[in-house]
């Protein structure tokens, strides 16, 4: 089996379920040792760890709430300590705040920005102390940062749109060191957070050029590509994996 990430050491935040779990498993399949962080779903994180170990790769699961900047940094540093270095950071941990604009509270704004923006910033800052030439930072954004086809997503879209500037800034700051930073922007992906059989799914499908929800594995393939040799000359990019929602 081709293993383009053989010998690489990766951290996937929020890697215990959904898109994060698919990314962690794909990076491991491609040869990387992979650490994941989780908050609540310890049993699911354990399943991801077991599957990675069954494939012969090293792995650890670290409890780290993305809303806590100290925990985020500890997760990055703990991964580097456990593996003896770090080559790939995937900023995936996220939430999905949704509802009428007038009902959004200041606390909800703080939480969304802390998890989607501050956590990515401090994780990337911490990772930069460990990454060498060829290092990769890939953050998971959203197609809703580019196009918001219906209401209720103002807070979520705001927080994900911030990653566009953050990623481009990282690309400039870290490019001279040979480190890339990119943003993958999924659309409607069939996960527990947004199941393809939910009552809202048919409405979402109306905006998808391909007419179907994506699979978490389809996002993972793009992340693995950017983390591997295919991403050598790609940095500061925002790449949609959205079935044509933003077409």
Protein backbone atom coordinates (compact mmCIF):
# COMPACT_ATOMS: atom_id res chain seq x y z
CA UNK A 1 0.00 0.00 0.00
CA UNK A 2 1.22 3.48 -0.88
CA UNK A 3 1.96 5.40 2.32
CA UNK A 4 2.75 9.01 1.37
CA UNK A 5 2.74 10.09 5.03
CA UNK A 6 5.04 7.36 6.31
CA UNK A 7 6.95 8.65 9.33
CA UNK A 8 4.84 11.79 9.72
CA UNK A 9 3.32 12.83 13.03
CA UNK A 10 -0.12 14.42 13.06
CA UNK A 11 -2.68 15.93 15.41
CA UNK A 12 -6.38 16.15 14.51
CA UNK A 13 -8.44 18.24 16.89
CA UNK A 14 -11.96 16.95 17.43
CA UNK A 15 -10.87 13.66 15.94
CA UNK A 16 -13.18 11.40 17.92
CA UNK A 17 -16.13 11.49 15.55
CA UNK A 18 -17.51 12.75 12.25
CA UNK A 19 -15.20 14.52 9.84
CA UNK A 20 -12.38 14.58 12.38
CA UNK A 21 -12.46 10.82 12.85
CA UNK A 22 -12.46 10.27 9.09
CA UNK A 23 -9.44 12.56 8.75
CA UNK A 24 -7.54 10.84 11.55
CA UNK A 25 -8.18 7.40 10.05
CA UNK A 26 -7.17 8.54 6.57
CA UNK A 27 -3.91 10.10 7.76
CA UNK A 28 -3.10 6.88 9.63
CA UNK A 29 -3.94 4.79 6.58
CA UNK A 30 -1.48 6.94 4.63
CA UNK A 31 1.24 6.12 7.15
CA UNK A 32 1.13 8.86 9.79
CA UNK A 33 1.10 8.46 13.55
CA UNK A 34 -2.01 10.35 14.63
CA UNK A 35 -3.10 11.96 17.88
CA UNK A 36 -6.68 13.13 18.34
CA UNK A 37 -8.39 15.41 20.80
CA UNK A 38 -11.92 15.01 22.09
CA UNK A 39 -14.17 16.56 24.75
CA UNK A 40 -17.17 14.36 25.56
CA UNK A 41 -17.23 11.29 23.32
CA UNK A 42 -14.47 9.28 25.01
CA UNK A 43 -15.95 5.99 23.81
CA UNK A 44 -15.90 7.13 20.19
CA UNK A 45 -12.38 8.48 20.53
CA UNK A 46 -11.37 5.06 21.87
CA UNK A 47 -12.78 3.39 18.77
CA UNK A 48 -10.74 5.68 16.53
CA UNK A 49 -7.63 4.91 18.57
CA UNK A 50 -8.30 1.17 18.38
CA UNK A 51 -8.71 1.32 14.60
CA UNK A 52 -5.51 3.30 14.13
CA UNK A 53 -3.58 0.92 16.35
CA UNK A 54 -4.99 -2.04 14.44
CA UNK A 55 -3.41 -0.54 11.34
CA UNK A 56 -0.01 -0.48 12.98
CA UNK A 57 0.31 3.25 13.66
CA UNK A 58 0.98 5.01 16.94
CA UNK A 59 -1.87 7.07 18.37
CA UNK A 60 -3.12 8.82 21.48
CA UNK A 61 -6.41 10.46 22.44
CA UNK A 62 -6.14 13.63 24.50
CA UNK A 63 -9.05 15.30 26.23
CA UNK A 64 -8.87 18.96 25.26
CA UNK A 65 -11.77 21.39 25.06
CA UNK A 66 -11.23 23.74 22.12
CA UNK A 67 -12.89 26.50 24.16
CA UNK A 68 -9.95 26.37 26.61
CA UNK A 69 -6.80 27.86 25.03
CA UNK A 70 -4.51 26.28 27.61
CA UNK A 71 -5.95 22.85 26.84
CA UNK A 72 -5.51 23.45 23.11
CA UNK A 73 -1.83 24.32 23.52
CA UNK A 74 -1.34 21.38 25.88
CA UNK A 75 -2.80 19.09 23.22
CA UNK A 76 -0.33 20.31 20.61
CA UNK A 77 2.65 20.14 22.96
CA UNK A 78 1.56 16.78 24.34
CA UNK A 79 1.38 15.31 20.85
CA UNK A 80 4.84 16.56 19.98
CA UNK A 81 6.21 15.17 23.23
CA UNK A 82 4.56 11.77 22.80
CA UNK A 83 5.58 11.35 19.15
CA UNK A 84 8.91 13.14 19.29
CA UNK A 85 7.81 15.90 16.96
CA UNK A 86 4.93 17.21 14.88
CA UNK A 87 4.52 17.47 11.11
CA UNK A 88 0.79 17.97 10.54
CA UNK A 89 -1.86 19.92 12.44
CA UNK A 90 -5.50 19.59 11.41
CA UNK A 91 -7.74 22.16 13.10
CA UNK A 92 -11.08 20.40 12.95
CA UNK A 93 -12.84 20.80 16.32
CA UNK A 94 -16.09 22.69 15.93
CA UNK A 95 -19.69 23.32 16.86
CA UNK A 96 -22.75 24.28 14.81
CA UNK A 97 -24.62 27.19 16.39
CA UNK A 98 -27.89 27.78 14.53
CA UNK A 99 -30.93 29.90 15.18
CA UNK A 100 -32.62 33.27 14.68
CA UNK A 101 -30.25 36.23 14.83
CA UNK A 102 -32.30 37.96 17.51
CA UNK A 103 -31.96 34.96 19.83
CA UNK A 104 -28.15 34.71 19.74
CA UNK A 105 -26.58 35.54 23.10
CA UNK A 106 -23.22 37.13 23.84
CA UNK A 107 -22.15 33.88 25.48
CA UNK A 108 -22.93 31.95 22.29
CA UNK A 109 -20.92 34.45 20.26
CA UNK A 110 -17.95 34.07 22.59
CA UNK A 111 -18.12 30.28 22.48
CA UNK A 112 -18.31 30.07 18.70
CA UNK A 113 -15.43 32.50 18.20
CA UNK A 114 -13.35 30.82 20.90
CA UNK A 115 -13.74 27.37 19.36
CA UNK A 116 -13.63 28.25 15.66
CA UNK A 117 -11.14 31.14 15.68
CA UNK A 118 -9.14 31.46 18.89
CA UNK A 119 -8.51 27.72 19.17
CA UNK A 120 -7.26 27.56 15.58
CA UNK A 121 -5.01 30.56 16.17
CA UNK A 122 -3.43 29.27 19.38
CA UNK A 123 -3.11 25.69 18.08
CA UNK A 124 -1.38 26.93 14.95
CA UNK A 125 0.84 29.23 16.99
CA UNK A 126 1.81 26.32 19.26
CA UNK A 127 2.32 23.98 16.31
CA UNK A 128 4.61 26.49 14.62
CA UNK A 129 7.09 25.95 17.45
CA UNK A 130 7.33 22.27 16.51
CA UNK A 131 6.86 22.20 12.74
CA UNK A 132 9.86 22.08 10.46
CA UNK A 133 10.22 22.53 6.71
CA UNK A 134 7.49 20.54 5.01
CA UNK A 135 5.12 21.06 7.94
CA UNK A 136 1.41 21.35 7.27
CA UNK A 137 -1.49 23.19 8.89
CA UNK A 138 -4.94 22.36 7.51
CA UNK A 139 -8.02 23.94 9.03
CA UNK A 140 -11.61 22.86 8.47
CA UNK A 141 -13.89 25.73 7.55
CA UNK A 142 -17.28 25.69 5.87
CA UNK A 143 -18.94 26.52 2.58
CA UNK A 144 -21.12 28.83 4.68
CA UNK A 145 -18.13 31.17 4.90
CA UNK A 146 -18.57 31.82 1.17
CA UNK A 147 -22.31 31.50 0.64
CA UNK A 148 -25.20 31.54 3.11
CA UNK A 149 -28.28 30.33 1.23
CA UNK A 150 -30.77 30.68 4.08
CA UNK A 151 -31.13 32.20 7.52
CA UNK A 152 -30.05 31.10 10.97
CA UNK A 153 -26.33 30.74 10.27
CA UNK A 154 -25.00 34.26 10.89
CA UNK A 155 -22.89 33.35 13.91
CA UNK A 156 -21.56 30.12 12.42
CA UNK A 157 -20.73 31.80 9.10
CA UNK A 158 -19.00 34.68 10.86
CA UNK A 159 -16.75 32.36 12.83
CA UNK A 160 -15.86 30.21 9.82
CA UNK A 161 -15.24 33.22 7.56
CA UNK A 162 -12.55 34.41 9.99
CA UNK A 163 -10.51 31.34 9.05
CA UNK A 164 -10.00 32.73 5.55
CA UNK A 165 -7.89 35.60 6.85
CA UNK A 166 -6.26 33.47 9.51
CA UNK A 167 -5.15 30.88 6.96
CA UNK A 168 -3.76 33.45 4.55
CA UNK A 169 -1.87 35.13 7.37
CA UNK A 170 -0.39 31.81 8.45
CA UNK A 171 0.67 31.11 4.87
CA UNK A 172 2.63 34.36 4.76
CA UNK A 173 4.13 34.02 8.24
CA UNK A 174 5.17 30.38 7.85
CA UNK A 175 5.92 30.19 4.14
CA UNK A 176 9.55 31.30 4.53
CA UNK A 177 10.05 28.26 6.78
CA UNK A 178 8.62 25.88 4.18
CA UNK A 179 5.40 25.33 6.14
CA UNK A 180 2.04 25.45 4.34
CA UNK A 181 -1.35 26.51 5.70
CA UNK A 182 -4.60 25.76 3.91
CA UNK A 183 -8.34 25.76 4.52
CA UNK A 184 -10.74 23.00 3.48
CA UNK A 185 -14.35 24.15 3.31
CA UNK A 186 -16.89 21.31 3.46
CA UNK A 187 -20.51 21.73 2.48
CA UNK A 188 -23.30 19.43 3.62
CA UNK A 189 -21.53 16.33 4.94
CA UNK A 190 -23.43 13.34 6.32
CA UNK A 191 -22.42 13.29 9.99
CA UNK A 192 -24.15 13.16 13.35
CA UNK A 193 -24.04 16.96 13.39
CA UNK A 194 -25.79 17.22 10.01
CA UNK A 195 -27.31 13.85 9.01
CA UNK A 196 -28.37 13.30 5.41
CA UNK A 197 -31.73 11.93 6.59
CA UNK A 198 -32.67 14.91 8.77
CA UNK A 199 -35.86 16.91 8.08
CA UNK A 200 -33.71 19.82 6.83
CA UNK A 201 -31.65 17.71 4.42
CA UNK A 202 -33.97 18.05 1.45
CA UNK A 203 -33.78 21.83 1.68
CA UNK A 204 -29.99 21.69 1.76
CA UNK A 205 -29.84 19.38 -1.23
CA UNK A 206 -31.60 22.01 -3.33
CA UNK A 207 -28.44 24.12 -3.18
CA UNK A 208 -25.97 21.29 -3.96
CA UNK A 209 -24.98 20.99 -7.62
CA UNK A 210 -24.36 17.25 -7.24
CA UNK A 211 -27.68 16.81 -5.48
CA UNK A 212 -26.39 14.76 -2.55
CA UNK A 213 -24.68 15.08 0.79
CA UNK A 214 -20.96 14.42 0.93
CA UNK A 215 -19.23 11.75 2.98
CA UNK A 216 -16.74 12.52 5.72
CA UNK A 217 -14.21 10.39 3.86
CA UNK A 218 -14.43 12.76 0.89
CA UNK A 219 -13.28 15.62 3.09
CA UNK A 220 -10.55 13.44 4.57
CA UNK A 221 -9.16 12.67 1.10
CA UNK A 222 -8.64 16.39 0.44
CA UNK A 223 -6.99 16.93 3.82
CA UNK A 224 -4.66 13.96 3.23
CA UNK A 225 -3.76 15.34 -0.20
CA UNK A 226 -2.80 18.71 1.27
CA UNK A 227 -0.90 17.01 4.09
CA UNK A 228 1.09 14.89 1.64
CA UNK A 229 3.31 15.49 -1.38
CA UNK A 230 0.35 16.83 -3.35
CA UNK A 231 0.28 19.86 -1.07
CA UNK A 232 3.93 20.82 -1.49
CA UNK A 233 3.14 23.95 -3.53
CA UNK A 234 -0.30 24.82 -2.16
CA UNK A 235 -0.59 27.38 0.62
CA UNK A 236 -3.02 30.10 1.62
CA UNK A 237 -5.76 28.32 -0.31
CA UNK A 238 -9.42 27.84 0.58
CA UNK A 239 -10.58 24.66 -1.12
CA UNK A 240 -14.29 23.75 -1.25
CA UNK A 241 -15.43 20.16 -0.78
CA UNK A 242 -19.08 21.03 -1.07
CA UNK A 243 -20.64 19.30 -4.06
CA UNK A 244 -20.92 22.63 -5.86
CA UNK A 245 -22.80 24.67 -3.25
CA UNK A 246 -20.50 27.62 -3.90
CA UNK A 247 -20.30 27.08 -7.68
